[in-house]
Amino acid sequence: MSPSDQQPQYNVSPTVNAKGALSPTLTRNIEAILERRRAKAATASVEEKAAAAISRFAGSMLFVYIHLVLFGAWILINVGLLPVIPAWDPSLVVLAMIASVEAIFLSTFVLINQNRMATEDDARSDLDLQINLLNEHETTRLIAMVDAIAQHLGVEVRQGDEIEEMKRDVAPEAVLDRLEAEDGNK
């Protein structure tokens, strides 16, 4: 047996594959998410695709570099520091107008993209809530089953009202009503 065979194997457990491969369940979940993203992208309108593409480009360093060169050259030429061609906008009013119109359109495209992203975030939030509620329900049932098993086996469990409380499902409507009532008091 070589010394490398005697090395302890870290990160080996029932839930962590020593080779780093993903579990079949995790792989299936990732594929489902990716497929949903592809389907959502395929059904996006031309306007949505254009707004997303423009927002991506406007948020890139290439966009910054292009503007740095174009606006820099415009300014240098028109103030006379780079006399390669005659100045056409010595007061830079045309440049200011172009920049203002560009800002109006860019901010509109960014807002369209943010609205789309907010809609996606709302859908993810709803999914998270549903999964959390399902998890809470399943945990509540498990607590009730473990309590019943303990009673059946005659295991004394020091419990106050906590175990009984944990065996009750949470009513999400009541939680939301309480939060909304508290927000309304502010």
N, C-alpha and C. Protein backbone atom coordinates (compact mmCIF):
# COMPACT_ATOMS: atom_id res chain seq x y z
N MET A 1 0.86 -1.18 0.00
CA MET A 1 0.00 0.00 0.00
C MET A 1 0.89 1.23 0.00
N SER A 2 0.65 2.12 -0.91
CA SER A 2 1.48 3.32 -1.02
C SER A 2 1.03 4.35 0.00
N PRO A 3 1.91 5.33 0.33
CA PRO A 3 1.53 6.36 1.29
C PRO A 3 0.33 7.19 0.84
N SER A 4 0.18 7.37 -0.48
CA SER A 4 -0.96 8.16 -0.95
C SER A 4 -2.27 7.42 -0.70
N ASP A 5 -2.23 6.07 -0.68
CA ASP A 5 -3.44 5.30 -0.40
C ASP A 5 -3.85 5.42 1.06
N GLN A 6 -2.91 5.77 1.93
CA GLN A 6 -3.19 5.86 3.35
C GLN A 6 -3.64 7.26 3.77
N GLN A 7 -3.64 8.21 2.84
CA GLN A 7 -4.07 9.57 3.14
C GLN A 7 -5.56 9.56 3.48
N PRO A 8 -5.95 10.33 4.52
CA PRO A 8 -7.40 10.40 4.80
C PRO A 8 -8.12 11.10 3.65
N GLN A 9 -9.30 10.63 3.36
CA GLN A 9 -10.08 11.23 2.29
C GLN A 9 -11.05 12.23 2.89
N TYR A 10 -10.80 13.50 2.59
CA TYR A 10 -11.68 14.56 3.07
C TYR A 10 -12.80 14.77 2.06
N ASN A 11 -13.84 15.37 2.52
CA ASN A 11 -15.00 15.69 1.67
C ASN A 11 -15.70 14.44 1.14
N VAL A 12 -15.54 13.32 1.83
CA VAL A 12 -16.25 12.12 1.43
C VAL A 12 -17.41 11.94 2.41
N SER A 13 -18.60 11.99 1.91
CA SER A 13 -19.79 11.80 2.74
C SER A 13 -20.90 11.31 1.84
N PRO A 14 -22.02 10.95 2.43
CA PRO A 14 -23.15 10.51 1.59
C PRO A 14 -23.67 11.60 0.67
N THR A 15 -23.42 12.87 1.01
CA THR A 15 -23.96 13.95 0.18
C THR A 15 -22.91 14.65 -0.65
N VAL A 16 -21.64 14.36 -0.44
CA VAL A 16 -20.58 14.99 -1.21
C VAL A 16 -19.82 13.90 -1.95
N ASN A 17 -19.90 13.94 -3.27
CA ASN A 17 -19.20 12.96 -4.08
C ASN A 17 -17.71 13.30 -4.08
N ALA A 18 -16.88 12.33 -3.74
CA ALA A 18 -15.44 12.57 -3.65
C ALA A 18 -14.86 13.02 -4.98
N LYS A 19 -15.46 12.64 -6.07
CA LYS A 19 -14.95 13.01 -7.39
C LYS A 19 -15.46 14.38 -7.83
N GLY A 20 -16.32 14.99 -7.06
CA GLY A 20 -16.82 16.32 -7.40
C GLY A 20 -17.98 16.32 -8.39
N ALA A 21 -18.50 15.17 -8.75
CA ALA A 21 -19.62 15.12 -9.70
C ALA A 21 -20.90 15.54 -8.99
N LEU A 22 -21.84 16.01 -9.77
CA LEU A 22 -23.12 16.42 -9.21
C LEU A 22 -24.04 15.21 -9.07
N SER A 23 -24.87 15.25 -8.05
CA SER A 23 -25.82 14.16 -7.86
C SER A 23 -26.86 14.19 -8.99
N PRO A 24 -27.49 13.06 -9.25
CA PRO A 24 -28.52 13.04 -10.31
C PRO A 24 -29.66 14.03 -10.03
N THR A 25 -30.06 14.17 -8.78
CA THR A 25 -31.14 15.11 -8.44
C THR A 25 -30.71 16.54 -8.72
N LEU A 26 -29.51 16.89 -8.30
CA LEU A 26 -29.02 18.25 -8.54
C LEU A 26 -28.85 18.50 -10.03
N THR A 27 -28.34 17.53 -10.76
CA THR A 27 -28.20 17.66 -12.21
C THR A 27 -29.56 17.87 -12.86
N ARG A 28 -30.58 17.11 -12.44
CA ARG A 28 -31.93 17.25 -12.98
C ARG A 28 -32.48 18.65 -12.67
N ASN A 29 -32.25 19.13 -11.45
CA ASN A 29 -32.74 20.46 -11.08
C ASN A 29 -32.06 21.56 -11.90
N ILE A 30 -30.77 21.44 -12.09
CA ILE A 30 -30.04 22.43 -12.89
C ILE A 30 -30.55 22.42 -14.32
N GLU A 31 -30.75 21.24 -14.88
CA GLU A 31 -31.25 21.13 -16.25
C GLU A 31 -32.66 21.73 -16.36
N ALA A 32 -33.49 21.53 -15.35
CA ALA A 32 -34.84 22.09 -15.37
C ALA A 32 -34.79 23.62 -15.35
N ILE A 33 -33.90 24.17 -14.55
CA ILE A 33 -33.76 25.63 -14.48
C ILE A 33 -33.25 26.18 -15.81
N LEU A 34 -32.23 25.53 -16.36
CA LEU A 34 -31.67 25.98 -17.64
C LEU A 34 -32.70 25.88 -18.76
N GLU A 35 -33.48 24.81 -18.76
CA GLU A 35 -34.51 24.65 -19.79
C GLU A 35 -35.57 25.74 -19.66
N ARG A 36 -35.94 26.06 -18.44
CA ARG A 36 -36.93 27.13 -18.23
C ARG A 36 -36.38 28.46 -18.73
N ARG A 37 -35.10 28.73 -18.46
CA ARG A 37 -34.47 29.97 -18.94
C ARG A 37 -34.46 30.01 -20.46
N ARG A 38 -34.13 28.88 -21.10
CA ARG A 38 -34.12 28.83 -22.56
C ARG A 38 -35.52 29.06 -23.12
N ALA A 39 -36.52 28.45 -22.51
CA ALA A 39 -37.89 28.62 -22.97
C ALA A 39 -38.33 30.07 -22.80
N LYS A 40 -37.98 30.68 -21.67
CA LYS A 40 -38.33 32.08 -21.42
C LYS A 40 -37.66 32.98 -22.45
N ALA A 41 -36.38 32.72 -22.75
CA ALA A 41 -35.66 33.53 -23.74
C ALA A 41 -36.26 33.35 -25.13
N ALA A 42 -36.71 32.14 -25.44
CA ALA A 42 -37.28 31.88 -26.77
C ALA A 42 -38.62 32.58 -26.96
N THR A 43 -39.35 32.81 -25.88
CA THR A 43 -40.66 33.44 -26.00
C THR A 43 -40.61 34.96 -25.80
N ALA A 44 -39.42 35.50 -25.53
CA ALA A 44 -39.30 36.95 -25.35
C ALA A 44 -39.59 37.66 -26.66
N SER A 45 -40.23 38.81 -26.54
CA SER A 45 -40.56 39.59 -27.74
C SER A 45 -39.29 40.23 -28.30
N VAL A 46 -39.38 40.70 -29.52
CA VAL A 46 -38.24 41.37 -30.16
C VAL A 46 -37.85 42.59 -29.34
N GLU A 47 -38.85 43.32 -28.85
CA GLU A 47 -38.58 44.51 -28.04
C GLU A 47 -37.83 44.16 -26.76
N GLU A 48 -38.26 43.08 -26.10
CA GLU A 48 -37.59 42.65 -24.86
C GLU A 48 -36.14 42.23 -25.14
N LYS A 49 -35.96 41.50 -26.23
CA LYS A 49 -34.60 41.08 -26.59
C LYS A 49 -33.73 42.27 -26.91
N ALA A 50 -34.28 43.25 -27.64
CA ALA A 50 -33.52 44.45 -27.99
C ALA A 50 -33.17 45.25 -26.75
N ALA A 51 -34.13 45.43 -25.85
CA ALA A 51 -33.89 46.19 -24.63
C ALA A 51 -32.82 45.51 -23.77
N ALA A 52 -32.88 44.18 -23.69
CA ALA A 52 -31.88 43.44 -22.91
C ALA A 52 -30.49 43.56 -23.54
N ALA A 53 -30.42 43.46 -24.87
CA ALA A 53 -29.14 43.55 -25.55
C ALA A 53 -28.55 44.96 -25.40
N ILE A 54 -29.38 45.98 -25.56
CA ILE A 54 -28.89 47.36 -25.42
C ILE A 54 -28.43 47.61 -23.98
N SER A 55 -29.19 47.13 -23.01
CA SER A 55 -28.80 47.30 -21.60
C SER A 55 -27.48 46.60 -21.30
N ARG A 56 -27.33 45.38 -21.85
CA ARG A 56 -26.05 44.66 -21.65
C ARG A 56 -24.89 45.44 -22.25
N PHE A 57 -25.08 45.95 -23.47
CA PHE A 57 -24.01 46.69 -24.13
C PHE A 57 -23.72 48.00 -23.39
N ALA A 58 -24.77 48.71 -22.99
CA ALA A 58 -24.58 49.99 -22.28
C ALA A 58 -23.91 49.79 -20.93
N GLY A 59 -24.00 48.59 -20.39
CA GLY A 59 -23.36 48.29 -19.11
C GLY A 59 -21.99 47.66 -19.26
N SER A 60 -21.40 47.76 -20.45
CA SER A 60 -20.10 47.12 -20.68
C SER A 60 -18.98 48.16 -20.74
N MET A 61 -17.78 47.70 -20.54
CA MET A 61 -16.62 48.59 -20.65
C MET A 61 -16.40 49.02 -22.09
N LEU A 62 -16.77 48.20 -23.07
CA LEU A 62 -16.66 48.59 -24.47
C LEU A 62 -17.46 49.87 -24.72
N PHE A 63 -18.66 49.94 -24.17
CA PHE A 63 -19.50 51.13 -24.28
C PHE A 63 -18.77 52.35 -23.70
N VAL A 64 -18.15 52.16 -22.56
CA VAL A 64 -17.40 53.25 -21.92
C VAL A 64 -16.24 53.69 -22.82
N TYR A 65 -15.49 52.73 -23.33
CA TYR A 65 -14.33 53.07 -24.18
C TYR A 65 -14.77 53.80 -25.45
N ILE A 66 -15.84 53.34 -26.08
CA ILE A 66 -16.33 53.99 -27.30
C ILE A 66 -16.71 55.44 -26.99
N HIS A 67 -17.42 55.65 -25.90
CA HIS A 67 -17.82 57.00 -25.53
C HIS A 67 -16.63 57.86 -25.15
N LEU A 68 -15.68 57.26 -24.49
CA LEU A 68 -14.48 58.01 -24.11
C LEU A 68 -13.76 58.51 -25.37
N VAL A 69 -13.62 57.65 -26.36
CA VAL A 69 -12.95 58.04 -27.60
C VAL A 69 -13.78 59.07 -28.38
N LEU A 70 -15.07 58.75 -28.61
CA LEU A 70 -15.90 59.65 -29.42
C LEU A 70 -16.11 61.01 -28.74
N PHE A 71 -16.52 61.00 -27.49
CA PHE A 71 -16.76 62.27 -26.80
C PHE A 71 -15.46 63.02 -26.56
N GLY A 72 -14.41 62.28 -26.24
CA GLY A 72 -13.11 62.92 -26.04
C GLY A 72 -12.62 63.60 -27.30
N ALA A 73 -12.71 62.90 -28.43
CA ALA A 73 -12.29 63.48 -29.71
C ALA A 73 -13.18 64.67 -30.06
N TRP A 74 -14.48 64.53 -29.88
CA TRP A 74 -15.41 65.63 -30.16
C TRP A 74 -15.01 66.88 -29.38
N ILE A 75 -14.76 66.70 -28.09
CA ILE A 75 -14.40 67.84 -27.24
C ILE A 75 -13.04 68.42 -27.65
N LEU A 76 -12.04 67.57 -27.82
CA LEU A 76 -10.70 68.04 -28.17
C LEU A 76 -10.68 68.78 -29.51
N ILE A 77 -11.42 68.26 -30.48
CA ILE A 77 -11.47 68.92 -31.80
C ILE A 77 -12.21 70.25 -31.70
N ASN A 78 -13.33 70.27 -31.00
CA ASN A 78 -14.17 71.47 -30.98
C ASN A 78 -13.68 72.57 -30.05
N VAL A 79 -12.79 72.26 -29.13
CA VAL A 79 -12.20 73.33 -28.31
C VAL A 79 -10.84 73.76 -28.87
N GLY A 80 -10.42 73.12 -29.95
CA GLY A 80 -9.21 73.53 -30.64
C GLY A 80 -7.94 72.86 -30.17
N LEU A 81 -8.02 71.89 -29.28
CA LEU A 81 -6.82 71.21 -28.79
C LEU A 81 -6.33 70.13 -29.76
N LEU A 82 -7.17 69.72 -30.67
CA LEU A 82 -6.81 68.71 -31.67
C LEU A 82 -7.29 69.22 -33.03
N PRO A 83 -6.51 70.10 -33.67
CA PRO A 83 -6.98 70.77 -34.89
C PRO A 83 -6.80 69.92 -36.16
N VAL A 84 -7.34 68.71 -36.15
CA VAL A 84 -7.24 67.87 -37.35
C VAL A 84 -8.29 68.23 -38.38
N ILE A 85 -9.44 68.70 -37.94
CA ILE A 85 -10.51 69.18 -38.82
C ILE A 85 -11.10 70.43 -38.19
N PRO A 86 -11.81 71.24 -38.96
CA PRO A 86 -12.41 72.46 -38.39
C PRO A 86 -13.47 72.13 -37.33
N ALA A 87 -13.56 72.95 -36.31
CA ALA A 87 -14.57 72.76 -35.25
C ALA A 87 -15.96 72.96 -35.83
N TRP A 88 -16.89 72.14 -35.46
CA TRP A 88 -18.28 72.25 -35.92
C TRP A 88 -19.24 72.50 -34.75
N ASP A 89 -18.73 72.37 -33.51
CA ASP A 89 -19.57 72.55 -32.32
C ASP A 89 -18.74 73.19 -31.21
N PRO A 90 -18.26 74.43 -31.46
CA PRO A 90 -17.34 75.04 -30.48
C PRO A 90 -17.96 75.26 -29.10
N SER A 91 -19.27 75.40 -29.00
CA SER A 91 -19.91 75.60 -27.69
C SER A 91 -20.32 74.26 -27.06
N LEU A 92 -20.14 73.17 -27.79
CA LEU A 92 -20.46 71.80 -27.35
C LEU A 92 -21.95 71.59 -27.06
N VAL A 93 -22.78 72.46 -27.63
CA VAL A 93 -24.23 72.34 -27.43
C VAL A 93 -24.76 71.09 -28.12
N VAL A 94 -24.29 70.81 -29.31
CA VAL A 94 -24.75 69.62 -30.04
C VAL A 94 -24.35 68.36 -29.28
N LEU A 95 -23.14 68.34 -28.76
CA LEU A 95 -22.68 67.19 -27.96
C LEU A 95 -23.57 67.01 -26.74
N ALA A 96 -23.89 68.09 -26.06
CA ALA A 96 -24.76 68.01 -24.88
C ALA A 96 -26.14 67.48 -25.25
N MET A 97 -26.67 67.91 -26.40
CA MET A 97 -27.98 67.44 -26.85
C MET A 97 -27.92 65.94 -27.16
N ILE A 98 -26.87 65.53 -27.87
CA ILE A 98 -26.73 64.10 -28.21
C ILE A 98 -26.62 63.26 -26.94
N ALA A 99 -25.82 63.73 -25.99
CA ALA A 99 -25.65 62.99 -24.73
C ALA A 99 -26.97 62.92 -23.97
N SER A 100 -27.75 63.99 -23.99
CA SER A 100 -29.04 64.01 -23.28
C SER A 100 -30.03 63.05 -23.92
N VAL A 101 -30.12 63.06 -25.23
CA VAL A 101 -31.04 62.15 -25.91
C VAL A 101 -30.62 60.71 -25.68
N GLU A 102 -29.32 60.47 -25.77
CA GLU A 102 -28.81 59.12 -25.52
C GLU A 102 -29.15 58.68 -24.10
N ALA A 103 -29.00 59.56 -23.11
CA ALA A 103 -29.31 59.22 -21.72
C ALA A 103 -30.79 58.89 -21.56
N ILE A 104 -31.65 59.62 -22.24
CA ILE A 104 -33.09 59.34 -22.16
C ILE A 104 -33.38 57.94 -22.65
N PHE A 105 -32.85 57.60 -23.83
CA PHE A 105 -33.11 56.27 -24.38
C PHE A 105 -32.46 55.16 -23.56
N LEU A 106 -31.22 55.38 -23.13
CA LEU A 106 -30.55 54.35 -22.33
C LEU A 106 -31.28 54.09 -21.02
N SER A 107 -31.72 55.16 -20.36
CA SER A 107 -32.44 54.96 -19.09
C SER A 107 -33.75 54.23 -19.33
N THR A 108 -34.40 54.50 -20.45
CA THR A 108 -35.64 53.78 -20.77
C THR A 108 -35.37 52.30 -20.99
N PHE A 109 -34.32 51.98 -21.73
CA PHE A 109 -33.97 50.57 -21.96
C PHE A 109 -33.60 49.87 -20.65
N VAL A 110 -32.87 50.56 -19.80
CA VAL A 110 -32.50 49.99 -18.51
C VAL A 110 -33.75 49.74 -17.66
N LEU A 111 -34.69 50.67 -17.66
CA LEU A 111 -35.93 50.49 -16.90
C LEU A 111 -36.75 49.32 -17.43
N ILE A 112 -36.81 49.18 -18.74
CA ILE A 112 -37.53 48.04 -19.33
C ILE A 112 -36.88 46.74 -18.86
N ASN A 113 -35.56 46.70 -18.90
CA ASN A 113 -34.84 45.51 -18.47
C ASN A 113 -35.05 45.25 -16.97
N GLN A 114 -35.04 46.29 -16.17
CA GLN A 114 -35.27 46.14 -14.73
C GLN A 114 -36.68 45.65 -14.44
N ASN A 115 -37.66 46.12 -15.18
CA ASN A 115 -39.03 45.64 -15.01
C ASN A 115 -39.13 44.14 -15.30
N ARG A 116 -38.47 43.72 -16.37
CA ARG A 116 -38.46 42.29 -16.72
C ARG A 116 -37.79 41.49 -15.61
N MET A 117 -36.68 42.00 -15.10
CA MET A 117 -35.96 41.30 -14.03
C MET A 117 -36.79 41.26 -12.75
N ALA A 118 -37.53 42.33 -12.46
CA ALA A 118 -38.38 42.36 -11.27
C ALA A 118 -39.49 41.32 -11.38
N THR A 119 -40.04 41.14 -12.57
CA THR A 119 -41.06 40.12 -12.78
C THR A 119 -40.48 38.73 -12.53
N GLU A 120 -39.28 38.49 -13.04
CA GLU A 120 -38.61 37.21 -12.81
C GLU A 120 -38.32 37.01 -11.33
N ASP A 121 -37.89 38.07 -10.64
CA ASP A 121 -37.61 37.98 -9.21
C ASP A 121 -38.88 37.66 -8.42
N ASP A 122 -40.00 38.25 -8.82
CA ASP A 122 -41.27 37.95 -8.15
C ASP A 122 -41.63 36.48 -8.31
N ALA A 123 -41.43 35.93 -9.51
CA ALA A 123 -41.74 34.51 -9.75
C ALA A 123 -40.82 33.63 -8.89
N ARG A 124 -39.53 33.98 -8.81
CA ARG A 124 -38.60 33.21 -7.97
C ARG A 124 -38.99 33.31 -6.50
N SER A 125 -39.40 34.49 -6.09
CA SER A 125 -39.81 34.69 -4.70
C SER A 125 -41.04 33.84 -4.38
N ASP A 126 -41.99 33.79 -5.30
CA ASP A 126 -43.18 32.96 -5.10
C ASP A 126 -42.79 31.48 -5.00
N LEU A 127 -41.86 31.05 -5.85
CA LEU A 127 -41.39 29.67 -5.80
C LEU A 127 -40.70 29.38 -4.48
N ASP A 128 -39.84 30.31 -4.04
CA ASP A 128 -39.16 30.15 -2.74
C ASP A 128 -40.17 30.01 -1.61
N LEU A 129 -41.20 30.86 -1.62
CA LEU A 129 -42.22 30.80 -0.59
C LEU A 129 -42.92 29.45 -0.61
N GLN A 130 -43.29 28.97 -1.79
CA GLN A 130 -43.97 27.67 -1.88
C GLN A 130 -43.08 26.54 -1.37
N ILE A 131 -41.81 26.57 -1.73
CA ILE A 131 -40.89 25.53 -1.26
C ILE A 131 -40.71 25.62 0.24
N ASN A 132 -40.58 26.84 0.78
CA ASN A 132 -40.44 27.00 2.23
C ASN A 132 -41.68 26.52 2.96
N LEU A 133 -42.87 26.82 2.43
CA LEU A 133 -44.10 26.36 3.07
C LEU A 133 -44.20 24.84 3.03
N LEU A 134 -43.82 24.24 1.91
CA LEU A 134 -43.82 22.78 1.81
C LEU A 134 -42.83 22.18 2.79
N ASN A 135 -41.64 22.78 2.87
CA ASN A 135 -40.63 22.30 3.81
C ASN A 135 -41.12 22.41 5.25
N GLU A 136 -41.76 23.53 5.57
CA GLU A 136 -42.29 23.72 6.93
C GLU A 136 -43.36 22.68 7.23
N HIS A 137 -44.23 22.42 6.28
CA HIS A 137 -45.29 21.42 6.47
C HIS A 137 -44.69 20.03 6.69
N GLU A 138 -43.71 19.67 5.86
CA GLU A 138 -43.08 18.36 6.00
C GLU A 138 -42.34 18.24 7.33
N THR A 139 -41.67 19.31 7.75
CA THR A 139 -40.95 19.30 9.03
C THR A 139 -41.95 19.16 10.18
N THR A 140 -43.07 19.84 10.08
CA THR A 140 -44.10 19.74 11.11
C THR A 140 -44.60 18.30 11.22
N ARG A 141 -44.83 17.67 10.07
CA ARG A 141 -45.29 16.27 10.09
C ARG A 141 -44.22 15.35 10.68
N LEU A 142 -42.95 15.60 10.36
CA LEU A 142 -41.87 14.78 10.92
C LEU A 142 -41.80 14.93 12.44
N ILE A 143 -41.96 16.16 12.93
CA ILE A 143 -41.94 16.38 14.38
C ILE A 143 -43.08 15.62 15.03
N ALA A 144 -44.25 15.67 14.43
CA ALA A 144 -45.40 14.93 14.97
C ALA A 144 -45.13 13.43 14.96
N MET A 145 -44.53 12.90 13.89
CA MET A 145 -44.23 11.47 13.81
C MET A 145 -43.19 11.07 14.85
N VAL A 146 -42.14 11.87 15.00
CA VAL A 146 -41.10 11.55 15.99
C VAL A 146 -41.69 11.60 17.39
N ASP A 147 -42.56 12.55 17.67
CA ASP A 147 -43.21 12.63 18.97
C ASP A 147 -44.08 11.40 19.21
N ALA A 148 -44.81 10.97 18.17
CA ALA A 148 -45.65 9.77 18.31
C ALA A 148 -44.80 8.53 18.53
N ILE A 149 -43.68 8.42 17.85
CA ILE A 149 -42.77 7.28 18.03
C ILE A 149 -42.22 7.28 19.45
N ALA A 150 -41.80 8.47 19.92
CA ALA A 150 -41.26 8.58 21.29
C ALA A 150 -42.31 8.16 22.30
N GLN A 151 -43.56 8.56 22.11
CA GLN A 151 -44.62 8.18 23.04
C GLN A 151 -44.88 6.68 22.96
N HIS A 152 -44.88 6.12 21.75
CA HIS A 152 -45.12 4.69 21.56
C HIS A 152 -44.03 3.86 22.24
N LEU A 153 -42.79 4.33 22.18
CA LEU A 153 -41.68 3.60 22.79
C LEU A 153 -41.53 3.91 24.27
N GLY A 154 -42.32 4.82 24.76
CA GLY A 154 -42.27 5.16 26.16
C GLY A 154 -41.08 6.04 26.53
N VAL A 155 -40.55 6.75 25.56
CA VAL A 155 -39.42 7.64 25.80
C VAL A 155 -39.97 8.93 26.40
N GLU A 156 -39.43 9.27 27.58
CA GLU A 156 -39.87 10.50 28.20
C GLU A 156 -39.15 11.67 27.56
N VAL A 157 -39.92 12.60 27.10
CA VAL A 157 -39.36 13.80 26.49
C VAL A 157 -39.81 14.98 27.34
N ARG A 158 -38.83 15.71 27.85
CA ARG A 158 -39.19 16.89 28.61
C ARG A 158 -39.69 17.93 27.63
N GLN A 159 -40.94 18.12 27.70
CA GLN A 159 -41.51 19.08 26.74
C GLN A 159 -42.48 19.99 27.45
N GLY A 160 -42.43 21.17 27.01
CA GLY A 160 -43.44 22.11 27.47
C GLY A 160 -44.43 22.24 26.34
N ASP A 161 -44.81 23.43 26.08
CA ASP A 161 -45.73 23.68 24.97
C ASP A 161 -44.98 23.73 23.65
N GLU A 162 -43.64 23.70 23.71
CA GLU A 162 -42.85 23.88 22.49
C GLU A 162 -43.09 22.77 21.47
N ILE A 163 -43.09 21.50 21.91
CA ILE A 163 -43.29 20.39 20.97
C ILE A 163 -44.69 20.47 20.36
N GLU A 164 -45.68 20.73 21.17
CA GLU A 164 -47.05 20.84 20.65
C GLU A 164 -47.15 21.99 19.66
N GLU A 165 -46.45 23.09 19.96
CA GLU A 165 -46.48 24.22 19.03
C GLU A 165 -45.80 23.87 17.72
N MET A 166 -44.68 23.13 17.81
CA MET A 166 -43.95 22.77 16.59
C MET A 166 -44.73 21.78 15.74
N LYS A 167 -45.67 21.05 16.31
CA LYS A 167 -46.46 20.08 15.56
C LYS A 167 -47.61 20.75 14.80
N ARG A 168 -47.80 22.05 15.00
CA ARG A 168 -48.87 22.77 14.30
C ARG A 168 -48.30 23.44 13.05
N ASP A 169 -49.05 23.37 11.96
CA ASP A 169 -48.65 24.06 10.73
C ASP A 169 -48.72 25.57 10.94
N VAL A 170 -47.83 26.26 10.26
CA VAL A 170 -47.86 27.71 10.27
C VAL A 170 -48.88 28.16 9.23
N ALA A 171 -49.68 29.15 9.59
CA ALA A 171 -50.64 29.71 8.64
C ALA A 171 -49.99 30.92 7.99
N PRO A 172 -49.52 30.78 6.73
CA PRO A 172 -48.80 31.89 6.10
C PRO A 172 -49.66 33.15 5.98
N GLU A 173 -50.97 32.97 5.81
CA GLU A 173 -51.85 34.13 5.72
C GLU A 173 -51.80 34.95 7.00
N ALA A 174 -51.78 34.26 8.14
CA ALA A 174 -51.73 34.97 9.42
C ALA A 174 -50.41 35.72 9.57
N VAL A 175 -49.33 35.11 9.14
CA VAL A 175 -48.03 35.78 9.21
C VAL A 175 -48.03 37.02 8.32
N LEU A 176 -48.51 36.88 7.09
CA LEU A 176 -48.55 38.01 6.17
C LEU A 176 -49.48 39.11 6.68
N ASP A 177 -50.64 38.71 7.24
CA ASP A 177 -51.57 39.70 7.80
C ASP A 177 -50.90 40.49 8.93
N ARG A 178 -50.17 39.79 9.79
CA ARG A 178 -49.50 40.46 10.92
C ARG A 178 -48.43 41.42 10.41
N LEU A 179 -47.64 40.98 9.43
CA LEU A 179 -46.59 41.84 8.88
C LEU A 179 -47.19 43.08 8.21
N GLU A 180 -48.26 42.88 7.45
CA GLU A 180 -48.91 44.00 6.79
C GLU A 180 -49.52 44.97 7.80
N ALA A 181 -50.08 44.42 8.88
CA ALA A 181 -50.66 45.28 9.93
C ALA A 181 -49.56 46.11 10.59
N GLU A 182 -48.41 45.49 10.85
CA GLU A 182 -47.30 46.21 11.46
C GLU A 182 -46.76 47.27 10.51
N ASP A 183 -46.68 46.95 9.20
CA ASP A 183 -46.23 47.94 8.22
C ASP A 183 -47.20 49.10 8.14
N GLY A 184 -48.49 48.81 8.29
CA GLY A 184 -49.50 49.86 8.24
C GLY A 184 -49.44 50.79 9.43
N ASN A 185 -48.87 50.33 10.55
CA ASN A 185 -48.75 51.16 11.75
C ASN A 185 -47.58 52.11 11.70
N LYS A 186 -46.76 51.99 10.70
CA LYS A 186 -45.56 52.86 10.62
C LYS A 186 -45.86 54.15 9.94
